[in-house]
PDB file of N, CA and C in Angstrom:
ATOM      1  N   MET A   1     109.147 175.929  98.247  1.00  0.00           N
ATOM      2  CA  MET A   1     109.829 176.786  99.185  1.00  0.00           C
ATOM      3  C   MET A   1     110.722 175.931 100.080  1.00  0.00           C
ATOM      4  N   ALA A   2     111.955 176.290 100.169  1.00  0.00           N
ATOM      5  CA  ALA A   2     112.907 175.558 100.996  1.00  0.00           C
ATOM      6  C   ALA A   2     112.913 176.136 102.411  1.00  0.00           C
ATOM      7  N   LEU A   3     112.892 175.249 103.365  1.00  0.00           N
ATOM      8  CA  LEU A   3     112.935 175.661 104.766  1.00  0.00           C
ATOM      9  C   LEU A   3     114.381 175.796 105.226  1.00  0.00           C
ATOM     10  N   THR A   4     114.631 176.765 106.066  1.00  0.00           N
ATOM     11  CA  THR A   4     115.963 176.900 106.655  1.00  0.00           C
ATOM     12  C   THR A   4     116.101 175.885 107.784  1.00  0.00           C
ATOM     13  N   LEU A   5     117.323 175.686 108.229  1.00  0.00           N
ATOM     14  CA  LEU A   5     117.549 174.762 109.345  1.00  0.00           C
ATOM     15  C   LEU A   5     116.826 175.238 110.606  1.00  0.00           C
ATOM     16  N   LYS A   6     116.795 176.545 110.807  1.00  0.00           N
ATOM     17  CA  LYS A   6     116.098 177.098 111.970  1.00  0.00           C
ATOM     18  C   LYS A   6     114.605 176.806 111.889  1.00  0.00           C
ATOM     19  N   GLN A   7     114.023 176.990 110.709  1.00  0.00           N
ATOM     20  CA  GLN A   7     112.596 176.704 110.528  1.00  0.00           C
ATOM     21  C   GLN A   7     112.306 175.227 110.752  1.00  0.00           C
ATOM     22  N   LYS A   8     113.193 174.359 110.264  1.00  0.00           N
ATOM     23  CA  LYS A   8     113.020 172.923 110.474  1.00  0.00           C
ATOM     24  C   LYS A   8     113.090 172.581 111.964  1.00  0.00           C
ATOM     25  N   ALA A   9     114.004 173.202 112.671  1.00  0.00           N
ATOM     26  CA  ALA A   9     114.129 172.950 114.109  1.00  0.00           C
ATOM     27  C   ALA A   9     112.865 173.382 114.846  1.00  0.00           C
ATOM     28  N   VAL A  10     112.327 174.525 114.466  1.00  0.00           N
ATOM     29  CA  VAL A  10     111.098 175.023 115.091  1.00  0.00           C
ATOM     30  C   VAL A  10     109.953 174.060 114.805  1.00  0.00           C
ATOM     31  N   LEU A  11     109.824 173.622 113.557  1.00  0.00           N
ATOM     32  CA  LEU A  11     108.759 172.671 113.211  1.00  0.00           C
ATOM     33  C   LEU A  11     108.907 171.366 113.984  1.00  0.00           C
ATOM     34  N   ASN A  12     110.123 170.873 114.096  1.00  0.00           N
ATOM     35  CA  ASN A  12     110.355 169.640 114.853  1.00  0.00           C
ATOM     36  C   ASN A  12     109.956 169.806 116.316  1.00  0.00           C
ATOM     37  N   ARG A  13     110.267 170.944 116.885  1.00  0.00           N
ATOM     38  CA  ARG A  13     109.908 171.218 118.277  1.00  0.00           C
ATOM     39  C   ARG A  13     108.388 171.255 118.446  1.00  0.00           C
ATOM     40  N   HIS A  14     107.716 171.925 117.509  1.00  0.00           N
ATOM     41  CA  HIS A  14     106.251 172.012 117.565  1.00  0.00           C
ATOM     42  C   HIS A  14     105.604 170.643 117.368  1.00  0.00           C
ATOM     43  N   ILE A  15     106.161 169.849 116.479  1.00  0.00           N
ATOM     44  CA  ILE A  15     105.651 168.494 116.277  1.00  0.00           C
ATOM     45  C   ILE A  15     105.774 167.700 117.572  1.00  0.00           C
ATOM     46  N   GLY A  16     106.892 167.841 118.253  1.00  0.00           N
ATOM     47  CA  GLY A  16     107.081 167.143 119.525  1.00  0.00           C
ATOM     48  C   GLY A  16     106.053 167.551 120.568  1.00  0.00           C
ATOM     49  N   VAL A  17     105.753 168.840 120.633  1.00  0.00           N
ATOM     50  CA  VAL A  17     104.744 169.328 121.574  1.00  0.00           C
ATOM     51  C   VAL A  17     103.379 168.747 121.222  1.00  0.00           C
ATOM     52  N   LEU A  18     103.033 168.787 119.943  1.00  0.00           N
ATOM     53  CA  LEU A  18     101.749 168.249 119.508  1.00  0.00           C
ATOM     54  C   LEU A  18     101.641 166.754 119.784  1.00  0.00           C
ATOM     55  N   GLU A  19     102.725 166.022 119.582  1.00  0.00           N
ATOM     56  CA  GLU A  19     102.702 164.587 119.869  1.00  0.00           C
ATOM     57  C   GLU A  19     102.486 164.331 121.354  1.00  0.00           C
ATOM     58  N   GLY A  20     103.073 165.163 122.198  1.00  0.00           N
ATOM     59  CA  GLY A  20     102.854 165.034 123.641  1.00  0.00           C
ATOM     60  C   GLY A  20     101.413 165.305 124.020  1.00  0.00           C
ATOM     61  N   ILE A  21     100.836 166.334 123.430  1.00  0.00           N
ATOM     62  CA  ILE A  21      99.430 166.658 123.693  1.00  0.00           C
ATOM     63  C   ILE A  21      98.547 165.508 123.201  1.00  0.00           C
ATOM     64  N   SER A  22      98.866 164.968 122.059  1.00  0.00           N
ATOM     65  CA  SER A  22      98.099 163.859 121.510  1.00  0.00           C
ATOM     66  C   SER A  22      98.152 162.646 122.434  1.00  0.00           C
ATOM     67  N   TRP A  23      99.332 162.352 122.953  1.00  0.00           N
ATOM     68  CA  TRP A  23      99.494 161.222 123.864  1.00  0.00           C
ATOM     69  C   TRP A  23      98.627 161.396 125.106  1.00  0.00           C
ATOM     70  N   VAL A  24      98.640 162.594 125.667  1.00  0.00           N
ATOM     71  CA  VAL A  24      97.821 162.876 126.846  1.00  0.00           C
ATOM     72  C   VAL A  24      96.338 162.755 126.498  1.00  0.00           C
ATOM     73  N   ALA A  25      95.950 163.235 125.322  1.00  0.00           N
ATOM     74  CA  ALA A  25      94.549 163.169 124.908  1.00  0.00           C
ATOM     75  C   ALA A  25      94.084 161.724 124.716  1.00  0.00           C
ATOM     76  N   CYS A  26      94.990 160.830 124.364  1.00  0.00           N
ATOM     77  CA  CYS A  26      94.632 159.425 124.165  1.00  0.00           C
ATOM     78  C   CYS A  26      94.199 158.749 125.463  1.00  0.00           C
ATOM     79  N   ILE A  27      94.604 159.288 126.584  1.00  0.00           N
ATOM     80  CA  ILE A  27      94.276 158.680 127.873  1.00  0.00           C
ATOM     81  C   ILE A  27      92.771 158.710 128.126  1.00  0.00           C
ATOM     82  N   ASP A  28      92.114 159.787 127.717  1.00  0.00           N
ATOM     83  CA  ASP A  28      90.681 159.946 127.929  1.00  0.00           C
ATOM     84  C   ASP A  28      89.931 159.526 126.666  1.00  0.00           C
ATOM     85  N   GLU A  29      89.023 158.597 126.805  1.00  0.00           N
ATOM     86  CA  GLU A  29      88.259 158.082 125.664  1.00  0.00           C
ATOM     87  C   GLU A  29      87.553 159.202 124.892  1.00  0.00           C
ATOM     88  N   LYS A  30      87.055 160.194 125.596  1.00  0.00           N
ATOM     89  CA  LYS A  30      86.330 161.296 124.953  1.00  0.00           C
ATOM     90  C   LYS A  30      87.245 162.176 124.110  1.00  0.00           C
ATOM     91  N   MET A  31      88.518 162.160 124.415  1.00  0.00           N
ATOM     92  CA  MET A  31      89.477 163.015 123.714  1.00  0.00           C
ATOM     93  C   MET A  31      90.149 162.313 122.534  1.00  0.00           C
ATOM     94  N   ARG A  32      89.851 161.052 122.315  1.00  0.00           N
ATOM     95  CA  ARG A  32      90.520 160.302 121.243  1.00  0.00           C
ATOM     96  C   ARG A  32      90.357 160.919 119.860  1.00  0.00           C
ATOM     97  N   PRO A  33      89.166 161.446 119.501  1.00  0.00           N
ATOM     98  CA  PRO A  33      89.068 162.096 118.175  1.00  0.00           C
ATOM     99  C   PRO A  33      90.014 163.284 118.035  1.00  0.00           C
ATOM    100  N   ILE A  34      90.205 164.009 119.116  1.00  0.00           N
ATOM    101  CA  ILE A  34      91.135 165.142 119.081  1.00  0.00           C
ATOM    102  C   ILE A  34      92.561 164.624 118.918  1.00  0.00           C
ATOM    103  N   ALA A  35      92.885 163.557 119.626  1.00  0.00           N
ATOM    104  CA  ALA A  35      94.223 162.968 119.507  1.00  0.00           C
ATOM    105  C   ALA A  35      94.480 162.500 118.080  1.00  0.00           C
ATOM    106  N   GLU A  36      93.478 161.895 117.455  1.00  0.00           N
ATOM    107  CA  GLU A  36      93.636 161.437 116.075  1.00  0.00           C
ATOM    108  C   GLU A  36      93.837 162.614 115.124  1.00  0.00           C
ATOM    109  N   ALA A  37      93.118 163.703 115.357  1.00  0.00           N
ATOM    110  CA  ALA A  37      93.274 164.892 114.519  1.00  0.00           C
ATOM    111  C   ALA A  37      94.676 165.481 114.684  1.00  0.00           C
ATOM    112  N   ILE A  38      95.159 165.519 115.905  1.00  0.00           N
ATOM    113  CA  ILE A  38      96.509 166.029 116.157  1.00  0.00           C
ATOM    114  C   ILE A  38      97.540 165.135 115.479  1.00  0.00           C
ATOM    115  N   ASN A  39      97.344 163.820 115.533  1.00  0.00           N
ATOM    116  CA  ASN A  39      98.263 162.896 114.867  1.00  0.00           C
ATOM    117  C   ASN A  39      98.286 163.120 113.364  1.00  0.00           C
ATOM    118  N   THR A  40      97.128 163.433 112.797  1.00  0.00           N
ATOM    119  CA  THR A  40      97.057 163.727 111.363  1.00  0.00           C
ATOM    120  C   THR A  40      97.868 164.977 111.034  1.00  0.00           C
ATOM    121  N   VAL A  41      97.726 166.000 111.857  1.00  0.00           N
ATOM    122  CA  VAL A  41      98.486 167.237 111.658  1.00  0.00           C
ATOM    123  C   VAL A  41      99.983 166.953 111.760  1.00  0.00           C
ATOM    124  N   CYS A  42     100.374 166.178 112.761  1.00  0.00           N
ATOM    125  CA  CYS A  42     101.796 165.839 112.925  1.00  0.00           C
ATOM    126  C   CYS A  42     102.324 165.087 111.708  1.00  0.00           C
ATOM    127  N   SER A  43     101.543 164.158 111.201  1.00  0.00           N
ATOM    128  CA  SER A  43     101.961 163.401 110.017  1.00  0.00           C
ATOM    129  C   SER A  43     102.149 164.310 108.812  1.00  0.00           C
ATOM    130  N   GLU A  44     101.227 165.243 108.637  1.00  0.00           N
ATOM    131  CA  GLU A  44     101.344 166.182 107.519  1.00  0.00           C
ATOM    132  C   GLU A  44     102.581 167.062 107.658  1.00  0.00           C
ATOM    133  N   LEU A  45     102.846 167.532 108.868  1.00  0.00           N
ATOM    134  CA  LEU A  45     104.031 168.365 109.089  1.00  0.00           C
ATOM    135  C   LEU A  45     105.313 167.565 108.871  1.00  0.00           C
ATOM    136  N   GLU A  46     105.321 166.307 109.299  1.00  0.00           N
ATOM    137  CA  GLU A  46     106.499 165.471 109.087  1.00  0.00           C
ATOM    138  C   GLU A  46     106.719 165.212 107.604  1.00  0.00           C
ATOM    139  N   MET A  47     105.635 165.017 106.848  1.00  0.00           N
ATOM    140  CA  MET A  47     105.775 164.841 105.394  1.00  0.00           C
ATOM    141  C   MET A  47     106.334 166.108 104.759  1.00  0.00           C
ATOM    142  N   LEU A  48     105.899 167.261 105.235  1.00  0.00           N
ATOM    143  CA  LEU A  48     106.415 168.532 104.741  1.00  0.00           C
ATOM    144  C   LEU A  48     107.919 168.615 104.964  1.00  0.00           C
ATOM    145  N   LEU A  49     108.353 168.228 106.146  1.00  0.00           N
ATOM    146  CA  LEU A  49     109.792 168.248 106.446  1.00  0.00           C
ATOM    147  C   LEU A  49     110.552 167.246 105.589  1.00  0.00           C
ATOM    148  N   ASP A  50     109.981 166.059 105.394  1.00  0.00           N
ATOM    149  CA  ASP A  50     110.645 165.027 104.596  1.00  0.00           C
ATOM    150  C   ASP A  50     110.761 165.431 103.130  1.00  0.00           C
ATOM    151  N   ASP A  51     109.736 166.096 102.613  1.00  0.00           N
ATOM    152  CA  ASP A  51     109.705 166.486 101.205  1.00  0.00           C
ATOM    153  C   ASP A  51     110.556 167.709 100.908  1.00  0.00           C
ATOM    154  N   ASP A  52     110.835 168.512 101.936  1.00  0.00           N
ATOM    155  CA  ASP A  52     111.573 169.757 101.735  1.00  0.00           C
ATOM    156  C   ASP A  52     113.053 169.468 101.552  1.00  0.00           C
ATOM    157  N   GLY A  53     113.607 170.038 100.510  1.00  0.00           N
ATOM    158  CA  GLY A  53     115.033 169.865 100.248  1.00  0.00           C
ATOM    159  C   GLY A  53     115.900 170.670 101.196  1.00  0.00           C
ATOM    160  N   GLY A  54     115.337 171.740 101.732  1.00  0.00           N
ATOM    161  CA  GLY A  54     116.082 172.565 102.660  1.00  0.00           C
ATOM    162  C   GLY A  54     116.875 173.632 101.950  1.00  0.00           C
ATOM    163  N   ALA A  55     117.295 174.605 102.739  1.00  0.00           N
ATOM    164  CA  ALA A  55     118.057 175.716 102.199  1.00  0.00           C
ATOM    165  C   ALA A  55     119.492 175.716 102.716  1.00  0.00           C
ATOM    166  N   GLY A  56     119.905 174.598 103.199  1.00  0.00           N
ATOM    167  CA  GLY A  56     121.283 174.521 103.685  1.00  0.00           C
ATOM    168  C   GLY A  56     121.436 175.077 105.084  1.00  0.00           C
ATOM    169  N   ASP A  57     122.471 175.907 105.267  1.00  0.00           N
ATOM    170  CA  ASP A  57     122.841 176.382 106.596  1.00  0.00           C
ATOM    171  C   ASP A  57     122.204 177.697 106.987  1.00  0.00           C
ATOM    172  N   GLU A  58     121.229 178.158 106.287  1.00  0.00           N
ATOM    173  CA  GLU A  58     120.653 179.486 106.577  1.00  0.00           C
ATOM    174  C   GLU A  58     120.108 179.558 107.984  1.00  0.00           C
TER     175      GLU A  58
END
């Protein structure tokens, strides 16, 4: 399934939010497992974006 440019922009925005939450979670030692899980999700979403050929200008 090819993502539209709008969908890619939305995913990029969400990835940025998740990365910010992950960074904040890293500050507290107890939250580090959550931060690592969020980083895993971000990595998977970034791979999805990298692998997607896209649908052009839709």
